[in-house]
N, C-alpha and C. Protein backbone atom coordinates (compact mmCIF):
# COMPACT_ATOMS: atom_id res chain seq x y z
N MET A 1 54.40 88.57 101.08
CA MET A 1 55.00 88.42 99.94
C MET A 1 53.26 89.39 98.56
N ILE A 2 54.00 89.77 97.80
CA ILE A 2 52.75 89.56 96.83
C ILE A 2 53.01 89.45 95.20
N ARG A 3 52.01 88.62 95.36
CA ARG A 3 51.66 87.63 93.63
C ARG A 3 51.30 88.11 92.87
N LEU A 4 51.83 88.11 91.46
CA LEU A 4 51.60 88.73 90.42
C LEU A 4 50.44 88.05 89.95
N TYR A 5 49.78 87.94 88.94
CA TYR A 5 48.78 87.67 88.36
C TYR A 5 49.37 87.77 86.51
N HIS A 6 50.09 86.95 85.73
CA HIS A 6 49.76 87.59 84.22
C HIS A 6 48.71 86.32 83.42
N ILE A 7 48.04 87.29 82.70
CA ILE A 7 47.10 85.97 81.79
C ILE A 7 47.39 86.17 80.97
N THR A 8 47.43 84.39 80.29
CA THR A 8 47.89 83.98 78.59
C THR A 8 46.73 82.82 78.37
N ASN A 9 46.91 82.71 76.97
CA ASN A 9 46.07 81.57 76.09
C ASN A 9 47.26 80.22 76.43
N LEU A 10 46.33 79.06 77.13
CA LEU A 10 46.63 78.05 77.53
C LEU A 10 47.45 77.47 76.64
N LYS A 11 47.08 77.93 75.56
CA LYS A 11 47.54 76.91 74.41
C LYS A 11 49.14 77.14 74.55
N ASN A 12 49.99 78.89 75.04
CA ASN A 12 50.80 78.85 75.66
C ASN A 12 51.56 77.95 76.23
N LEU A 13 50.78 77.56 77.07
CA LEU A 13 51.88 76.75 78.03
C LEU A 13 52.47 75.60 78.14
N GLN A 14 52.85 75.13 77.53
CA GLN A 14 54.44 74.22 76.71
C GLN A 14 55.33 75.34 76.87
N SER A 15 54.97 76.00 76.04
CA SER A 15 56.12 77.16 75.81
C SER A 15 56.84 78.14 76.74
N ILE A 16 55.84 77.93 77.81
CA ILE A 16 56.33 78.79 78.81
C ILE A 16 56.68 78.33 80.28
N ALA A 17 56.04 76.37 80.00
CA ALA A 17 56.94 75.61 81.11
C ALA A 17 58.68 75.67 80.56
N ALA A 18 58.90 74.91 79.02
CA ALA A 18 60.22 74.97 78.69
C ALA A 18 61.00 75.86 78.46
N ASN A 19 60.70 77.14 77.92
CA ASN A 19 61.35 78.54 78.40
C ASN A 19 61.69 79.54 78.82
N GLY A 20 60.31 79.68 79.72
CA GLY A 20 59.94 80.92 80.72
C GLY A 20 58.72 81.62 79.50
N LEU A 21 58.02 83.27 81.02
CA LEU A 21 57.89 83.53 80.06
C LEU A 21 58.81 84.84 79.25
N ASN A 22 58.56 85.02 78.63
CA ASN A 22 59.54 86.04 77.40
C ASN A 22 59.64 88.19 78.01
N ALA A 23 60.49 88.04 77.48
CA ALA A 23 60.48 89.82 78.30
C ALA A 23 59.99 90.38 77.71
N GLY A 24 59.40 91.32 78.27
CA GLY A 24 58.23 92.05 78.11
C GLY A 24 56.55 91.48 78.63
N SER A 25 56.33 90.59 79.37
CA SER A 25 55.33 90.20 79.79
C SER A 25 54.61 91.84 80.65
N TYR A 26 53.48 91.93 81.20
CA TYR A 26 53.06 92.79 82.03
C TYR A 26 52.39 91.64 82.97
N TRP A 27 52.17 92.56 84.32
CA TRP A 27 51.96 91.36 85.24
C TRP A 27 50.85 92.57 86.29
N SER A 28 49.72 92.12 86.73
CA SER A 28 49.01 92.69 87.77
C SER A 28 49.09 91.59 89.33
N GLU A 29 48.93 93.16 90.39
CA GLU A 29 48.97 92.40 91.56
C GLU A 29 47.42 92.05 92.24
N THR A 30 45.65 92.17 91.60
CA THR A 30 44.86 92.30 91.15
C THR A 30 44.59 91.63 91.12
N LEU A 31 42.86 90.92 91.83
CA LEU A 31 42.67 89.57 90.61
C LEU A 31 42.08 90.24 90.05
N ASP A 32 41.13 91.24 89.69
CA ASP A 32 39.95 92.12 89.55
C ASP A 32 40.48 92.92 87.93
N LEU A 33 41.51 92.99 87.65
CA LEU A 33 42.64 93.65 86.56
C LEU A 33 42.84 91.98 85.74
N ALA A 34 43.21 90.64 86.38
CA ALA A 34 43.53 89.62 85.63
C ALA A 34 42.37 88.86 84.98
N ALA A 35 41.31 89.41 85.69
CA ALA A 35 40.33 88.55 85.41
C ALA A 35 39.59 89.65 84.45
N TYR A 36 39.79 90.32 84.21
CA TYR A 36 39.87 91.17 82.95
C TYR A 36 39.86 91.16 81.80
N TYR A 37 41.33 90.52 81.67
CA TYR A 37 42.69 89.90 80.87
C TYR A 37 41.71 88.28 80.45
N GLU A 38 41.53 88.10 81.71
CA GLU A 38 41.15 86.89 81.39
C GLU A 38 39.67 86.83 80.14
N GLU A 39 39.03 87.61 80.54
CA GLU A 39 37.53 87.30 80.05
C GLU A 39 37.80 87.39 78.79
N THR A 40 38.76 88.89 77.99
CA THR A 40 38.98 88.72 76.90
C THR A 40 39.48 87.56 76.27
N ILE A 41 40.05 86.90 76.53
CA ILE A 41 41.06 85.13 75.96
C ILE A 41 39.57 84.79 75.97
N MET A 42 38.61 84.48 76.92
CA MET A 42 37.04 83.70 77.06
C MET A 42 36.58 83.98 75.94
N ASP A 43 36.31 85.54 75.12
CA ASP A 43 35.34 85.97 74.67
C ASP A 43 36.07 86.22 73.61
N ASP A 44 37.58 85.64 72.95
CA ASP A 44 37.87 85.18 72.10
C ASP A 44 37.57 83.98 71.85
N GLY A 45 37.66 83.03 72.69
CA GLY A 45 37.24 81.75 72.32
C GLY A 45 38.16 80.59 72.70
N GLN A 46 38.18 81.47 73.23
CA GLN A 46 40.22 80.79 74.16
C GLN A 46 39.77 80.49 75.60
N THR A 47 40.80 79.79 75.75
CA THR A 47 40.72 78.86 77.25
C THR A 47 42.52 80.31 77.67
N PRO A 48 42.39 80.88 79.17
CA PRO A 48 42.60 81.56 79.73
C PRO A 48 43.68 80.25 80.75
N LEU A 49 45.23 81.07 80.63
CA LEU A 49 45.44 80.72 81.93
C LEU A 49 46.45 81.36 82.39
N VAL A 50 45.97 81.81 84.26
CA VAL A 50 46.77 82.49 85.15
C VAL A 50 48.05 82.27 85.90
N VAL A 51 48.89 82.06 84.81
CA VAL A 51 50.42 82.15 85.59
C VAL A 51 50.05 82.99 86.59
N THR A 52 50.79 82.66 88.09
CA THR A 52 51.59 83.03 89.84
C THR A 52 52.55 83.62 88.68
N LEU A 53 53.35 84.83 89.90
CA LEU A 53 55.22 84.76 90.35
C LEU A 53 54.94 85.63 91.87
N SER A 54 55.97 85.50 92.43
CA SER A 54 56.02 86.87 93.55
C SER A 54 56.52 87.28 93.43
N LEU A 55 56.55 88.51 93.52
CA LEU A 55 57.34 90.47 93.31
C LEU A 55 58.79 89.41 93.73
N ASP A 56 58.58 89.30 95.25
CA ASP A 56 59.73 88.94 95.69
C ASP A 56 61.15 88.46 94.40
N ASP A 57 60.40 87.67 93.57
CA ASP A 57 61.19 86.34 92.77
C ASP A 57 61.92 87.38 91.77
N LEU A 58 61.83 89.25 92.04
CA LEU A 58 62.49 90.03 90.53
C LEU A 58 63.09 90.69 90.91
N LYS A 59 63.85 91.39 90.12
CA LYS A 59 65.20 92.37 90.66
C LYS A 59 63.95 93.59 90.64
N ASP A 60 64.42 95.05 91.44
CA ASP A 60 63.83 95.78 90.75
C ASP A 60 64.52 96.81 89.23
N SER A 61 65.66 96.19 88.81
CA SER A 61 66.10 96.77 87.60
C SER A 61 65.19 96.09 86.89
N GLU A 62 64.27 94.39 86.77
CA GLU A 62 64.14 93.81 86.16
C GLU A 62 62.48 94.51 85.65
N LEU A 63 62.31 96.28 86.30
CA LEU A 63 60.48 95.97 86.34
C LEU A 63 60.48 97.22 86.23
N GLU A 64 59.39 97.35 85.21
CA GLU A 64 59.21 99.48 84.17
C GLU A 64 58.01 99.02 84.79
N PRO A 65 57.41 100.36 84.88
CA PRO A 65 56.02 100.52 84.99
C PRO A 65 55.55 99.90 83.75
N ASP A 66 54.11 100.00 83.59
CA ASP A 66 53.12 99.34 82.73
C ASP A 66 52.40 100.91 81.81
N TYR A 67 53.71 101.29 80.98
CA TYR A 67 53.65 102.41 80.21
C TYR A 67 52.07 102.34 79.24
N PRO A 68 51.83 101.42 78.84
CA PRO A 68 50.46 100.94 77.65
C PRO A 68 49.06 101.10 79.41
N GLY A 69 49.07 100.71 80.48
CA GLY A 69 48.54 100.23 80.88
C GLY A 69 47.97 102.08 81.92
N ILE A 70 49.17 102.68 81.85
CA ILE A 70 49.11 104.23 82.07
C ILE A 70 48.44 105.10 81.13
N GLU A 71 49.00 104.82 80.03
CA GLU A 71 48.34 105.62 78.64
C GLU A 71 47.01 105.90 78.20
N GLU A 72 46.12 103.83 78.70
CA GLU A 72 44.59 104.08 78.46
C GLU A 72 44.27 102.73 79.50
N PRO A 73 44.53 103.23 80.42
CA PRO A 73 43.87 102.99 82.09
C PRO A 73 42.30 101.73 81.76
N ILE A 74 42.61 100.64 82.11
CA ILE A 74 41.25 100.15 82.63
C ILE A 74 40.56 100.46 83.08
N SER A 75 39.51 101.81 83.08
CA SER A 75 38.72 102.51 83.82
C SER A 75 38.23 102.04 84.51
N THR A 76 37.31 100.77 84.34
CA THR A 76 35.88 100.27 84.91
C THR A 76 36.50 99.32 86.06
N VAL A 77 37.98 98.79 86.29
CA VAL A 77 38.40 97.98 86.43
C VAL A 77 39.65 99.27 87.93
N LEU A 78 39.55 100.15 87.60
CA LEU A 78 40.56 100.96 88.04
C LEU A 78 39.92 102.01 89.39
N GLY A 79 38.22 101.97 88.80
CA GLY A 79 37.43 103.27 89.22
C GLY A 79 38.22 104.43 89.35
N LEU A 80 38.85 104.68 88.25
CA LEU A 80 38.64 105.85 87.96
C LEU A 80 38.95 106.02 85.64
N THR A 81 38.95 107.83 85.60
CA THR A 81 38.93 108.54 84.39
C THR A 81 40.03 108.00 83.55
N GLU A 82 40.62 108.24 82.46
CA GLU A 82 41.78 107.92 81.86
C GLU A 82 42.59 109.53 82.69
N GLU A 83 41.61 110.81 82.73
CA GLU A 83 41.91 112.14 83.52
C GLU A 83 42.70 111.98 84.41
N GLU A 84 41.86 111.52 85.04
CA GLU A 84 42.44 110.77 86.98
C GLU A 84 43.60 109.58 87.31
N VAL A 85 43.53 108.84 86.02
CA VAL A 85 45.08 108.05 85.84
C VAL A 85 46.21 109.15 86.26
N TRP A 86 45.64 109.89 85.21
CA TRP A 86 47.10 110.61 83.85
C TRP A 86 47.82 112.19 85.33
N HIS A 87 46.83 112.40 85.86
CA HIS A 87 46.74 113.02 86.73
C HIS A 87 47.81 112.62 87.69
N LYS A 88 47.75 111.72 88.25
CA LYS A 88 47.64 110.96 89.79
C LYS A 88 49.43 110.08 88.91
N TRP A 89 49.56 110.19 87.83
CA TRP A 89 50.86 109.34 87.00
C TRP A 89 52.05 110.81 87.38
N ASP A 90 50.95 111.91 87.13
CA ASP A 90 51.61 113.19 86.97
C ASP A 90 52.58 113.38 88.59
N THR A 91 51.88 113.05 89.13
CA THR A 91 52.22 113.38 90.63
C THR A 91 53.61 112.43 91.76
N THR A 92 53.46 111.83 90.35
CA THR A 92 54.40 111.04 91.00
C THR A 92 56.02 110.34 90.81
N LYS A 93 56.49 109.79 91.08
CA LYS A 93 57.83 109.38 90.28
C LYS A 93 58.37 109.39 88.79
N GLN A 94 57.03 108.26 88.79
CA GLN A 94 56.64 107.69 87.63
C GLN A 94 57.70 106.62 87.48
N THR A 95 57.80 105.20 88.60
CA THR A 95 58.62 104.28 89.20
C THR A 95 57.35 103.37 88.69
N TRP A 96 58.26 101.61 89.01
CA TRP A 96 57.18 100.92 88.58
C TRP A 96 56.94 100.80 90.32
N GLN A 97 56.68 100.59 90.90
CA GLN A 97 56.28 100.67 91.76
C GLN A 97 54.67 102.16 92.21
N ASP A 98 55.36 103.12 91.48
CA ASP A 98 54.12 103.76 91.39
C ASP A 98 52.97 103.60 90.50
N SER A 99 53.54 102.69 89.19
CA SER A 99 52.70 101.55 88.10
C SER A 99 51.74 100.35 89.17
N LEU A 100 52.58 100.13 89.90
CA LEU A 100 51.97 99.34 90.82
C LEU A 100 50.57 99.68 91.59
N ASN A 101 51.11 100.85 92.43
CA ASN A 101 49.83 101.50 93.20
C ASN A 101 49.31 102.03 92.41
N LEU A 102 49.28 102.92 91.16
CA LEU A 102 48.42 103.28 90.47
C LEU A 102 46.85 102.41 90.24
N VAL A 103 48.17 102.15 88.97
CA VAL A 103 47.39 101.40 87.61
C VAL A 103 47.13 99.50 87.93
N HIS A 104 47.89 99.27 89.25
CA HIS A 104 48.15 97.72 89.48
C HIS A 104 49.02 96.41 88.49
N SER A 105 49.67 97.01 87.91
CA SER A 105 50.04 96.40 86.78
C SER A 105 51.54 97.09 86.62
N ILE A 106 52.54 96.14 86.72
CA ILE A 106 53.61 96.49 86.09
C ILE A 106 54.19 95.64 84.95
N ARG A 107 55.40 96.01 84.09
CA ARG A 107 55.86 95.10 82.94
C ARG A 107 57.39 94.21 83.22
N VAL A 108 57.58 93.36 83.48
CA VAL A 108 58.76 92.63 83.58
C VAL A 108 59.93 92.55 81.86
N LYS A 109 61.06 93.09 82.18
CA LYS A 109 61.70 94.10 81.42
C LYS A 109 63.08 92.42 80.56
N THR A 110 62.63 90.79 81.56
CA THR A 110 63.70 90.03 81.09
C THR A 110 62.77 88.70 81.45
N THR A 111 63.51 88.11 80.65
CA THR A 111 62.34 86.69 80.94
C THR A 111 62.46 86.68 81.56
N ILE A 112 61.39 85.73 82.22
CA ILE A 112 61.16 84.92 83.37
C ILE A 112 61.91 83.12 83.54
N PRO A 113 62.63 83.28 84.30
CA PRO A 113 62.24 81.72 84.37
C PRO A 113 61.04 80.62 84.83
N PRO A 114 60.94 79.35 84.15
CA PRO A 114 59.75 78.83 84.21
C PRO A 114 60.11 78.80 86.07
N GLU A 115 61.20 78.04 86.37
CA GLU A 115 61.12 77.94 87.93
C GLU A 115 60.49 78.62 89.08
N LEU A 116 60.57 80.20 88.29
CA LEU A 116 59.73 81.53 88.92
C LEU A 116 58.33 81.24 89.30
N LEU A 117 57.73 80.38 88.15
CA LEU A 117 55.98 81.12 87.59
C LEU A 117 55.09 79.76 88.77
N THR A 118 54.21 79.54 88.93
CA THR A 118 53.17 79.48 89.19
C THR A 118 52.15 78.83 88.70
N VAL A 119 50.74 78.16 89.06
CA VAL A 119 50.06 78.12 88.23
C VAL A 119 48.79 77.11 89.17
N GLU A 120 47.36 77.93 89.80
CA GLU A 120 46.54 77.28 90.48
C GLU A 120 45.65 76.61 89.79
N ASP A 121 45.78 75.05 90.21
CA ASP A 121 44.75 74.52 89.95
C ASP A 121 43.38 74.96 90.19
N PRO A 122 42.38 74.46 89.75
CA PRO A 122 40.68 74.38 90.25
C PRO A 122 40.38 74.55 91.74
N PHE A 123 41.07 73.28 92.71
CA PHE A 123 41.02 72.48 93.87
C PHE A 123 41.99 73.44 94.38
N GLY A 124 42.48 74.56 94.38
CA GLY A 124 43.29 75.97 94.40
C GLY A 124 44.97 75.75 94.75
N ASP A 125 45.46 73.73 94.41
CA ASP A 125 46.51 73.97 94.82
C ASP A 125 47.59 74.45 93.79
N THR A 126 48.68 74.34 94.20
CA THR A 126 49.55 75.08 93.62
C THR A 126 50.28 74.44 93.06
N HIS A 127 50.97 74.55 92.20
CA HIS A 127 51.38 73.57 91.03
C HIS A 127 52.99 74.61 90.45
N GLY A 128 53.81 74.15 90.04
CA GLY A 128 54.64 74.62 89.35
C GLY A 128 54.37 74.66 88.25
N ILE A 129 54.69 75.20 86.80
CA ILE A 129 54.50 75.50 85.89
C ILE A 129 55.10 74.06 84.37
N LYS A 130 56.56 73.42 85.51
CA LYS A 130 56.86 72.71 84.61
C LYS A 130 55.25 71.23 84.88
N GLU A 131 55.29 71.41 86.26
CA GLU A 131 54.94 70.48 87.02
C GLU A 131 53.36 69.89 86.38
N TYR A 132 52.58 71.43 86.54
CA TYR A 132 51.82 71.46 86.08
C TYR A 132 51.46 71.73 84.50
N SER A 133 52.27 71.58 83.73
CA SER A 133 52.48 71.37 82.19
C SER A 133 51.94 69.50 81.41
N LEU A 134 52.43 69.09 82.85
CA LEU A 134 52.84 67.77 83.01
C LEU A 134 51.08 66.59 83.52
N LEU A 135 50.73 67.65 84.39
CA LEU A 135 49.73 67.23 84.60
C LEU A 135 48.40 67.32 83.04
N LEU A 136 48.66 68.30 82.70
CA LEU A 136 47.31 68.32 81.71
C LEU A 136 47.57 66.92 80.17
N ASN A 137 46.69 67.03 80.30
CA ASN A 137 45.57 66.47 78.83
C ASN A 137 45.43 67.30 78.06
N ASP A 138 45.50 67.14 76.61
CA ASP A 138 44.44 67.61 75.96
C ASP A 138 43.33 67.73 75.76
N ASP A 139 43.19 66.51 76.52
CA ASP A 139 41.50 65.83 76.74
C ASP A 139 41.01 66.70 77.72
N ASP A 140 41.91 66.95 78.78
CA ASP A 140 41.17 67.48 80.27
C ASP A 140 41.36 68.90 80.74
N ALA A 141 42.30 69.61 80.02
CA ALA A 141 42.96 71.06 79.60
C ALA A 141 41.93 71.89 80.38
N VAL A 142 40.95 72.25 79.46
CA VAL A 142 40.06 73.06 80.67
C VAL A 142 39.84 72.71 81.93
N SER A 143 39.18 71.87 82.03
CA SER A 143 38.96 71.61 83.01
C SER A 143 39.49 71.95 84.27
N LYS A 144 40.99 71.39 83.51
CA LYS A 144 42.48 70.92 85.34
C LYS A 144 42.52 72.96 85.16
N THR A 145 42.00 73.98 84.34
CA THR A 145 42.70 74.93 84.33
C THR A 145 41.76 76.12 85.47
N ARG A 146 42.34 77.17 86.44
CA ARG A 146 41.84 77.66 86.98
C ARG A 146 41.12 79.45 86.93
N HIS A 147 39.51 79.41 86.79
CA HIS A 147 39.52 80.72 86.25
C HIS A 147 38.68 81.49 87.70
N ILE A 148 39.36 82.59 87.65
CA ILE A 148 38.96 83.66 88.56
C ILE A 148 37.68 83.75 89.09
N ARG A 149 37.61 83.93 87.84
CA ARG A 149 36.25 84.39 88.20
C ARG A 149 34.77 83.23 87.06
């Protein structure tokens, strides 16, 4: 089972728990890339939320390459220059699987129902996103969110 990670602002938790994650969300298979995006949210003074999903819960037809991630790859995380990523991409069939292998991320074209989404708390326990949203209250939300780094 491949676990995917999506980083968002904790302020989005209630909406995601109620409605799922909007179509067009981007997912990474590596903690390093997820940590990069987590840091960007923290740099903005916000609290990140790490949402997880099993790749097995998605259909091939719902997935596509992370084109922005290929066009402007996070070179520091990938250990490749932009030119190296572009060259390698040109030698593939340019499928979502190739995107996952090369830039470690994909785009999900459809809304992901909340029943498929999970969150890990700081103690390593996994909760369904609806359950997790009920565990948190405004006073202690930051202390109960898991940070990758």
